[in-house]
Amino acid sequence: MRPTLAALAILFLSTGCLQTRSTLREQEEKQVLQKTVKTLQKDTADVSTRFSDIDEDLRKLGGRVETVEFKLNQAQAKTDAGVRTTETRVNDIETKMKIYQDAITKMDTELVELRSALASMQEEMRRTPAPAAGGKASLPSAYVSAEELFKASQWKEAILEYERYRKASPKGKQFAEATYKIGVCFQELGLTEEAKAFYEEVLAKFPKSKEAERAAYRLKSLNRKK
């Protein structure tokens, strides 16, 4: 009887120990599981926060990209407008240059013709005998004609008429003024060297005249432009 009771007692104790160990193991596993769950929850929360931060950064970046694209479009539009404006200006300049070149070519041709006509007239005057004392009735008309042409800014024609007067009347009262005005005509035509020659002739032949004073002023002005 006693052995049986002893065996039962041992069995009971053994069963109790097993249950206690099993319970402790389950508690430990439960604690580990709870820790793992908490860790996972924390990691999930961190990941969620990171995703939120990334999403916010992406939104900000998207806004910046849109701003940059807008500014780039504006800059491109301004550049295109500037290019078009520059092209228009270049075309205008080229057109004006063509007009100027044509005008200069025309002026050069006219000046060559003027020099040729002046040389021919001088040669004709050299070969023509000086008129007699009573034959100078036509001389004032050449000067009057030259004056009218001068006032009308018809420089080439005025030069020819003044020169006609000078050749026909080398001692005439208007010789100094005719010489000075020939210089003015050449200056107006852009022939500064020819103009200087006539101004210097006035200074050399009529140093005390009003024309010499005006010629000196114009000569000084031309020398300053060099």
C-alpha atoms as a PDB file:
ATOM      1  CA  MET A   1       0.000   0.000   0.000  1.00  0.00           C
ATOM      2  CA  ARG A   2       2.746   2.376   0.942  1.00  0.00           C
ATOM      3  CA  PRO A   3       4.679   1.823  -2.299  1.00  0.00           C
ATOM      4  CA  THR A   4       1.612   2.706  -4.277  1.00  0.00           C
ATOM      5  CA  LEU A   5       1.093   5.929  -2.359  1.00  0.00           C
ATOM      6  CA  ALA A   6       4.733   6.754  -2.815  1.00  0.00           C
ATOM      7  CA  ALA A   7       4.510   6.137  -6.539  1.00  0.00           C
ATOM      8  CA  LEU A   8       1.439   8.344  -6.772  1.00  0.00           C
ATOM      9  CA  ALA A   9       3.190  11.059  -4.878  1.00  0.00           C
ATOM     10  CA  ILE A  10       6.184  10.877  -7.141  1.00  0.00           C
ATOM     11  CA  LEU A  11       3.949  10.932 -10.206  1.00  0.00           C
ATOM     12  CA  PHE A  12       2.063  13.928  -8.881  1.00  0.00           C
ATOM     13  CA  LEU A  13       5.236  15.785  -8.161  1.00  0.00           C
ATOM     14  CA  SER A  14       6.621  14.915 -11.546  1.00  0.00           C
ATOM     15  CA  THR A  15       3.464  16.086 -13.266  1.00  0.00           C
ATOM     16  CA  GLY A  16       3.504  19.325 -11.302  1.00  0.00           C
ATOM     17  CA  CYS A  17       7.097  19.946 -12.257  1.00  0.00           C
ATOM     18  CA  LEU A  18       6.346  19.268 -15.887  1.00  0.00           C
ATOM     19  CA  GLN A  19       3.410  21.652 -15.848  1.00  0.00           C
ATOM     20  CA  THR A  20       5.489  24.315 -14.141  1.00  0.00           C
ATOM     21  CA  ARG A  21       8.263  23.991 -16.693  1.00  0.00           C
ATOM     22  CA  SER A  22       5.795  24.000 -19.530  1.00  0.00           C
ATOM     23  CA  THR A  23       4.124  27.081 -18.140  1.00  0.00           C
ATOM     24  CA  LEU A  24       7.442  28.868 -17.693  1.00  0.00           C
ATOM     25  CA  ARG A  25       8.444  27.984 -21.229  1.00  0.00           C
ATOM     26  CA  GLU A  26       5.157  29.243 -22.565  1.00  0.00           C
ATOM     27  CA  GLN A  27       5.534  32.468 -20.614  1.00  0.00           C
ATOM     28  CA  GLU A  28       9.060  32.947 -21.886  1.00  0.00           C
ATOM     29  CA  GLU A  29       7.957  32.273 -25.444  1.00  0.00           C
ATOM     30  CA  LYS A  30       5.055  34.630 -24.971  1.00  0.00           C
ATOM     31  CA  GLN A  31       7.367  37.343 -23.669  1.00  0.00           C
ATOM     32  CA  VAL A  32       9.751  36.786 -26.569  1.00  0.00           C
ATOM     33  CA  LEU A  33       6.819  36.894 -28.937  1.00  0.00           C
ATOM     34  CA  GLN A  34       5.544  40.091 -27.350  1.00  0.00           C
ATOM     35  CA  LYS A  35       8.977  41.667 -27.648  1.00  0.00           C
ATOM     36  CA  THR A  36       9.193  40.586 -31.260  1.00  0.00           C
ATOM     37  CA  VAL A  37       5.755  42.029 -31.953  1.00  0.00           C
ATOM     38  CA  LYS A  38       6.710  45.306 -30.266  1.00  0.00           C
ATOM     39  CA  THR A  39       9.936  45.415 -32.248  1.00  0.00           C
ATOM     40  CA  LEU A  40       8.028  44.764 -35.452  1.00  0.00           C
ATOM     41  CA  GLN A  41       5.475  47.409 -34.571  1.00  0.00           C
ATOM     42  CA  LYS A  42       8.232  49.904 -33.854  1.00  0.00           C
ATOM     43  CA  ASP A  43      10.028  49.025 -37.084  1.00  0.00           C
ATOM     44  CA  THR A  44       6.758  49.324 -38.975  1.00  0.00           C
ATOM     45  CA  ALA A  45       6.145  52.718 -37.430  1.00  0.00           C
ATOM     46  CA  ASP A  46       9.681  53.829 -38.325  1.00  0.00           C
ATOM     47  CA  VAL A  47       9.266  52.595 -41.886  1.00  0.00           C
ATOM     48  CA  SER A  48       5.913  54.357 -42.136  1.00  0.00           C
ATOM     49  CA  THR A  49       7.505  57.579 -40.875  1.00  0.00           C
ATOM     50  CA  ARG A  50      10.317  57.202 -43.345  1.00  0.00           C
ATOM     51  CA  PHE A  51       7.884  56.643 -46.167  1.00  0.00           C
ATOM     52  CA  SER A  52       5.980  59.738 -45.067  1.00  0.00           C
ATOM     53  CA  ASP A  53       9.202  61.749 -45.045  1.00  0.00           C
ATOM     54  CA  ILE A  54      10.157  60.391 -48.466  1.00  0.00           C
ATOM     55  CA  ASP A  55       6.709  61.173 -49.806  1.00  0.00           C
ATOM     56  CA  GLU A  56       6.941  64.706 -48.444  1.00  0.00           C
ATOM     57  CA  ASP A  57      10.405  65.108 -49.951  1.00  0.00           C
ATOM     58  CA  LEU A  58       9.092  63.850 -53.276  1.00  0.00           C
ATOM     59  CA  ARG A  59       6.249  66.360 -53.169  1.00  0.00           C
ATOM     60  CA  LYS A  60       8.680  69.164 -52.378  1.00  0.00           C
ATOM     61  CA  LEU A  61      11.018  67.957 -55.090  1.00  0.00           C
ATOM     62  CA  GLY A  62       8.121  67.817 -57.526  1.00  0.00           C
ATOM     63  CA  GLY A  63       7.259  71.420 -56.688  1.00  0.00           C
ATOM     64  CA  ARG A  64      10.855  72.462 -57.182  1.00  0.00           C
ATOM     65  CA  VAL A  65      11.031  70.652 -60.503  1.00  0.00           C
ATOM     66  CA  GLU A  66       7.878  72.416 -61.657  1.00  0.00           C
ATOM     67  CA  THR A  67       9.345  75.746 -60.566  1.00  0.00           C
ATOM     68  CA  VAL A  68      12.589  75.025 -62.380  1.00  0.00           C
ATOM     69  CA  GLU A  69      10.708  73.963 -65.501  1.00  0.00           C
ATOM     70  CA  PHE A  70       8.615  77.135 -65.356  1.00  0.00           C
ATOM     71  CA  LYS A  71      11.712  79.296 -65.025  1.00  0.00           C
ATOM     72  CA  LEU A  72      13.409  77.395 -67.825  1.00  0.00           C
ATOM     73  CA  ASN A  73      10.393  77.935 -70.063  1.00  0.00           C
ATOM     74  CA  GLN A  74      10.411  81.636 -69.218  1.00  0.00           C
ATOM     75  CA  ALA A  75      14.131  81.874 -69.931  1.00  0.00           C
ATOM     76  CA  GLN A  76      13.698  80.007 -73.199  1.00  0.00           C
ATOM     77  CA  ALA A  77      10.854  82.311 -74.207  1.00  0.00           C
ATOM     78  CA  LYS A  78      13.006  85.365 -73.451  1.00  0.00           C
ATOM     79  CA  THR A  79      15.915  83.846 -75.355  1.00  0.00           C
ATOM     80  CA  ASP A  80      13.722  83.123 -78.360  1.00  0.00           C
ATOM     81  CA  ALA A  81      12.321  86.652 -78.247  1.00  0.00           C
ATOM     82  CA  GLY A  82      15.848  88.058 -77.970  1.00  0.00           C
ATOM     83  CA  VAL A  83      17.006  85.976 -80.923  1.00  0.00           C
ATOM     84  CA  ARG A  84      14.079  87.161 -83.016  1.00  0.00           C
ATOM     85  CA  THR A  85      14.745  90.774 -82.036  1.00  0.00           C
ATOM     86  CA  THR A  86      18.440  90.394 -82.851  1.00  0.00           C
ATOM     87  CA  GLU A  87      17.651  88.818 -86.209  1.00  0.00           C
ATOM     88  CA  THR A  88      15.280  91.683 -87.002  1.00  0.00           C
ATOM     89  CA  ARG A  89      17.922  94.255 -86.042  1.00  0.00           C
ATOM     90  CA  VAL A  90      20.566  92.464 -88.092  1.00  0.00           C
ATOM     91  CA  ASN A  91      18.247  92.432 -91.086  1.00  0.00           C
ATOM     92  CA  ASP A  92      17.540  96.136 -90.612  1.00  0.00           C
ATOM     93  CA  ILE A  93      21.251  96.900 -90.339  1.00  0.00           C
ATOM     94  CA  GLU A  94      22.004  94.850 -93.446  1.00  0.00           C
ATOM     95  CA  THR A  95      19.273  96.693 -95.336  1.00  0.00           C
ATOM     96  CA  LYS A  96      20.598 100.068 -94.205  1.00  0.00           C
ATOM     97  CA  MET A  97      24.157  99.032 -95.041  1.00  0.00           C
ATOM     98  CA  LYS A  98      23.013  98.110 -98.543  1.00  0.00           C
ATOM     99  CA  ILE A  99      21.352 101.513 -98.905  1.00  0.00           C
ATOM    100  CA  TYR A 100      24.480 103.268 -97.622  1.00  0.00           C
ATOM    101  CA  GLN A 101      26.729 101.267 -99.926  1.00  0.00           C
ATOM    102  CA  ASP A 102      24.546 102.098-102.915  1.00  0.00           C
ATOM    103  CA  ALA A 103      24.548 105.772-101.911  1.00  0.00           C
ATOM    104  CA  ILE A 104      28.333 105.785-101.498  1.00  0.00           C
ATOM    105  CA  THR A 105      28.791 104.060-104.857  1.00  0.00           C
ATOM    106  CA  LYS A 106      26.523 106.615-106.478  1.00  0.00           C
ATOM    107  CA  MET A 107      28.353 109.479-104.768  1.00  0.00           C
ATOM    108  CA  ASP A 108      31.731 108.098-105.851  1.00  0.00           C
ATOM    109  CA  THR A 109      30.491 107.915-109.445  1.00  0.00           C
ATOM    110  CA  GLU A 110      29.166 111.465-109.269  1.00  0.00           C
ATOM    111  CA  LEU A 111      32.431 112.730-107.788  1.00  0.00           C
ATOM    112  CA  VAL A 112      34.429 111.076-110.540  1.00  0.00           C
ATOM    113  CA  GLU A 113      32.140 112.737-113.065  1.00  0.00           C
ATOM    114  CA  LEU A 114      32.496 116.057-111.257  1.00  0.00           C
ATOM    115  CA  ARG A 115      36.287 115.873-111.224  1.00  0.00           C
ATOM    116  CA  SER A 116      36.297 114.957-114.906  1.00  0.00           C
ATOM    117  CA  ALA A 117      33.945 117.819-115.748  1.00  0.00           C
ATOM    118  CA  LEU A 118      36.022 120.250-113.680  1.00  0.00           C
ATOM    119  CA  ALA A 119      39.234 119.138-115.356  1.00  0.00           C
ATOM    120  CA  SER A 120      37.631 119.491-118.790  1.00  0.00           C
ATOM    121  CA  MET A 121      36.356 122.942-117.943  1.00  0.00           C
ATOM    122  CA  GLN A 122      39.760 124.015-116.643  1.00  0.00           C
ATOM    123  CA  GLU A 123      41.382 122.759-119.813  1.00  0.00           C
ATOM    124  CA  GLU A 124      38.786 124.582-121.879  1.00  0.00           C
ATOM    125  CA  MET A 125      39.349 127.779-119.896  1.00  0.00           C
ATOM    126  CA  ARG A 126      43.112 127.427-120.343  1.00  0.00           C
ATOM    127  CA  ARG A 127      42.762 127.168-124.101  1.00  0.00           C
ATOM    128  CA  THR A 128      40.179 129.963-124.374  1.00  0.00           C
ATOM    129  CA  PRO A 129      41.735 133.427-124.739  1.00  0.00           C
ATOM    130  CA  ALA A 130      40.963 135.946-122.029  1.00  0.00           C
ATOM    131  CA  PRO A 131      38.061 138.211-123.020  1.00  0.00           C
ATOM    132  CA  ALA A 132      38.713 141.788-123.979  1.00  0.00           C
ATOM    133  CA  ALA A 133      38.061 144.641-121.580  1.00  0.00           C
ATOM    134  CA  GLY A 134      34.687 145.292-123.103  1.00  0.00           C
ATOM    135  CA  GLY A 135      33.715 141.637-123.264  1.00  0.00           C
ATOM    136  CA  LYS A 136      33.175 140.929-119.578  1.00  0.00           C
ATOM    137  CA  ALA A 137      29.435 141.428-119.566  1.00  0.00           C
ATOM    138  CA  SER A 138      28.920 137.667-119.155  1.00  0.00           C
ATOM    139  CA  LEU A 139      31.267 137.256-116.201  1.00  0.00           C
ATOM    140  CA  PRO A 140      28.910 138.444-113.450  1.00  0.00           C
ATOM    141  CA  SER A 141      26.245 136.080-114.771  1.00  0.00           C
ATOM    142  CA  ALA A 142      28.525 133.088-114.051  1.00  0.00           C
ATOM    143  CA  TYR A 143      29.005 134.271-110.487  1.00  0.00           C
ATOM    144  CA  VAL A 144      25.282 134.964-110.017  1.00  0.00           C
ATOM    145  CA  SER A 145      24.484 131.525-111.379  1.00  0.00           C
ATOM    146  CA  ALA A 146      27.044 129.988-109.012  1.00  0.00           C
ATOM    147  CA  GLU A 147      25.511 131.821-106.067  1.00  0.00           C
ATOM    148  CA  GLU A 148      22.042 130.548-106.905  1.00  0.00           C
ATOM    149  CA  LEU A 149      23.329 126.982-107.193  1.00  0.00           C
ATOM    150  CA  PHE A 150      25.239 127.361-103.911  1.00  0.00           C
ATOM    151  CA  LYS A 151      22.109 128.525-102.079  1.00  0.00           C
ATOM    152  CA  ALA A 152      20.203 125.557-103.545  1.00  0.00           C
ATOM    153  CA  SER A 153      22.915 123.192-102.226  1.00  0.00           C
ATOM    154  CA  GLN A 154      23.705 122.051-105.754  1.00  0.00           C
ATOM    155  CA  TRP A 155      27.351 121.721-104.885  1.00  0.00           C
ATOM    156  CA  LYS A 156      28.711 120.141-108.048  1.00  0.00           C
ATOM    157  CA  GLU A 157      27.059 122.615-110.395  1.00  0.00           C
ATOM    158  CA  ALA A 158      28.086 125.502-108.120  1.00  0.00           C
ATOM    159  CA  ILE A 159      31.728 124.411-108.262  1.00  0.00           C
ATOM    160  CA  LEU A 160      31.687 124.447-112.054  1.00  0.00           C
ATOM    161  CA  GLU A 161      30.134 127.914-112.196  1.00  0.00           C
ATOM    162  CA  TYR A 162      32.473 129.379-109.556  1.00  0.00           C
ATOM    163  CA  GLU A 163      35.424 127.894-111.400  1.00  0.00           C
ATOM    164  CA  ARG A 164      34.120 129.318-114.670  1.00  0.00           C
ATOM    165  CA  TYR A 165      34.011 132.742-113.041  1.00  0.00           C
ATOM    166  CA  ARG A 166      37.508 132.354-111.554  1.00  0.00           C
ATOM    167  CA  LYS A 167      39.062 131.366-114.852  1.00  0.00           C
ATOM    168  CA  ALA A 168      37.351 134.131-116.730  1.00  0.00           C
ATOM    169  CA  SER A 169      38.035 136.820-114.134  1.00  0.00           C
ATOM    170  CA  PRO A 170      41.207 136.036-112.133  1.00  0.00           C
ATOM    171  CA  LYS A 171      41.215 139.571-110.701  1.00  0.00           C
ATOM    172  CA  GLY A 172      37.514 139.886-110.121  1.00  0.00           C
ATOM    173  CA  LYS A 173      36.084 141.301-106.895  1.00  0.00           C
ATOM    174  CA  GLN A 174      34.417 138.002-106.013  1.00  0.00           C
ATOM    175  CA  PHE A 175      37.473 135.858-106.743  1.00  0.00           C
ATOM    176  CA  ALA A 176      38.289 135.321-103.025  1.00  0.00           C
ATOM    177  CA  GLU A 177      34.700 134.512-102.160  1.00  0.00           C
ATOM    178  CA  ALA A 178      34.327 132.193-105.174  1.00  0.00           C
ATOM    179  CA  THR A 179      37.490 130.343-104.121  1.00  0.00           C
ATOM    180  CA  TYR A 180      36.280 130.019-100.532  1.00  0.00           C
ATOM    181  CA  LYS A 181      32.854 128.763-101.613  1.00  0.00           C
ATOM    182  CA  ILE A 182      34.385 126.172-103.921  1.00  0.00           C
ATOM    183  CA  GLY A 183      36.112 124.849-100.806  1.00  0.00           C
ATOM    184  CA  VAL A 184      32.770 124.782 -98.988  1.00  0.00           C
ATOM    185  CA  CYS A 185      31.154 122.879-101.866  1.00  0.00           C
ATOM    186  CA  PHE A 186      33.906 120.259-101.826  1.00  0.00           C
ATOM    187  CA  GLN A 187      33.604 119.957 -98.046  1.00  0.00           C
ATOM    188  CA  GLU A 188      29.846 119.408 -98.361  1.00  0.00           C
ATOM    189  CA  LEU A 189      30.536 116.666-100.902  1.00  0.00           C
ATOM    190  CA  GLY A 190      32.918 114.958 -98.459  1.00  0.00           C
ATOM    191  CA  LEU A 191      36.081 115.790-100.416  1.00  0.00           C
ATOM    192  CA  THR A 192      38.055 117.256 -97.551  1.00  0.00           C
ATOM    193  CA  GLU A 193      41.446 117.289 -99.263  1.00  0.00           C
ATOM    194  CA  GLU A 194      40.078 119.289-102.210  1.00  0.00           C
ATOM    195  CA  ALA A 195      38.317 121.624 -99.769  1.00  0.00           C
ATOM    196  CA  LYS A 196      41.553 122.195 -97.851  1.00  0.00           C
ATOM    197  CA  ALA A 197      43.369 123.105-101.073  1.00  0.00           C
ATOM    198  CA  PHE A 198      40.920 125.919-101.828  1.00  0.00           C
ATOM    199  CA  TYR A 199      40.883 127.159 -98.217  1.00  0.00           C
ATOM    200  CA  GLU A 200      44.675 127.300 -98.271  1.00  0.00           C
ATOM    201  CA  GLU A 201      44.576 129.191-101.581  1.00  0.00           C
ATOM    202  CA  VAL A 202      42.334 131.828 -99.974  1.00  0.00           C
ATOM    203  CA  LEU A 203      44.730 132.157 -97.023  1.00  0.00           C
ATOM    204  CA  ALA A 204      47.744 132.457 -99.325  1.00  0.00           C
ATOM    205  CA  LYS A 205      46.281 134.958-101.798  1.00  0.00           C
ATOM    206  CA  PHE A 206      43.921 136.956 -99.587  1.00  0.00           C
ATOM    207  CA  PRO A 207      45.293 136.687 -96.021  1.00  0.00           C
ATOM    208  CA  LYS A 208      43.530 139.840 -94.750  1.00  0.00           C
ATOM    209  CA  SER A 209      40.133 139.204 -96.275  1.00  0.00           C
ATOM    210  CA  LYS A 210      36.920 138.071 -94.555  1.00  0.00           C
ATOM    211  CA  GLU A 211      37.069 134.938 -96.658  1.00  0.00           C
ATOM    212  CA  ALA A 212      40.521 134.140 -95.241  1.00  0.00           C
ATOM    213  CA  GLU A 213      39.155 134.319 -91.716  1.00  0.00           C
ATOM    214  CA  ARG A 214      36.313 131.933 -92.566  1.00  0.00           C
ATOM    215  CA  ALA A 215      38.650 129.649 -94.512  1.00  0.00           C
ATOM    216  CA  ALA A 216      41.046 129.465 -91.540  1.00  0.00           C
ATOM    217  CA  TYR A 217      38.183 128.473 -89.240  1.00  0.00           C
ATOM    218  CA  ARG A 218      37.000 125.696 -91.578  1.00  0.00           C
ATOM    219  CA  LEU A 219      40.544 124.487 -92.173  1.00  0.00           C
ATOM    220  CA  LYS A 220      41.155 124.249 -88.437  1.00  0.00           C
ATOM    221  CA  SER A 221      37.907 122.317 -88.011  1.00  0.00           C
ATOM    222  CA  LEU A 222      38.885 119.816 -90.699  1.00  0.00           C
ATOM    223  CA  ASN A 223      42.346 119.296 -89.191  1.00  0.00           C
ATOM    224  CA  ARG A 224      40.786 118.507 -85.789  1.00  0.00           C
ATOM    225  CA  LYS A 225      38.754 115.655 -87.332  1.00  0.00           C
ATOM    226  CA  LYS A 226      41.840 113.686 -88.348  1.00  0.00           C
END
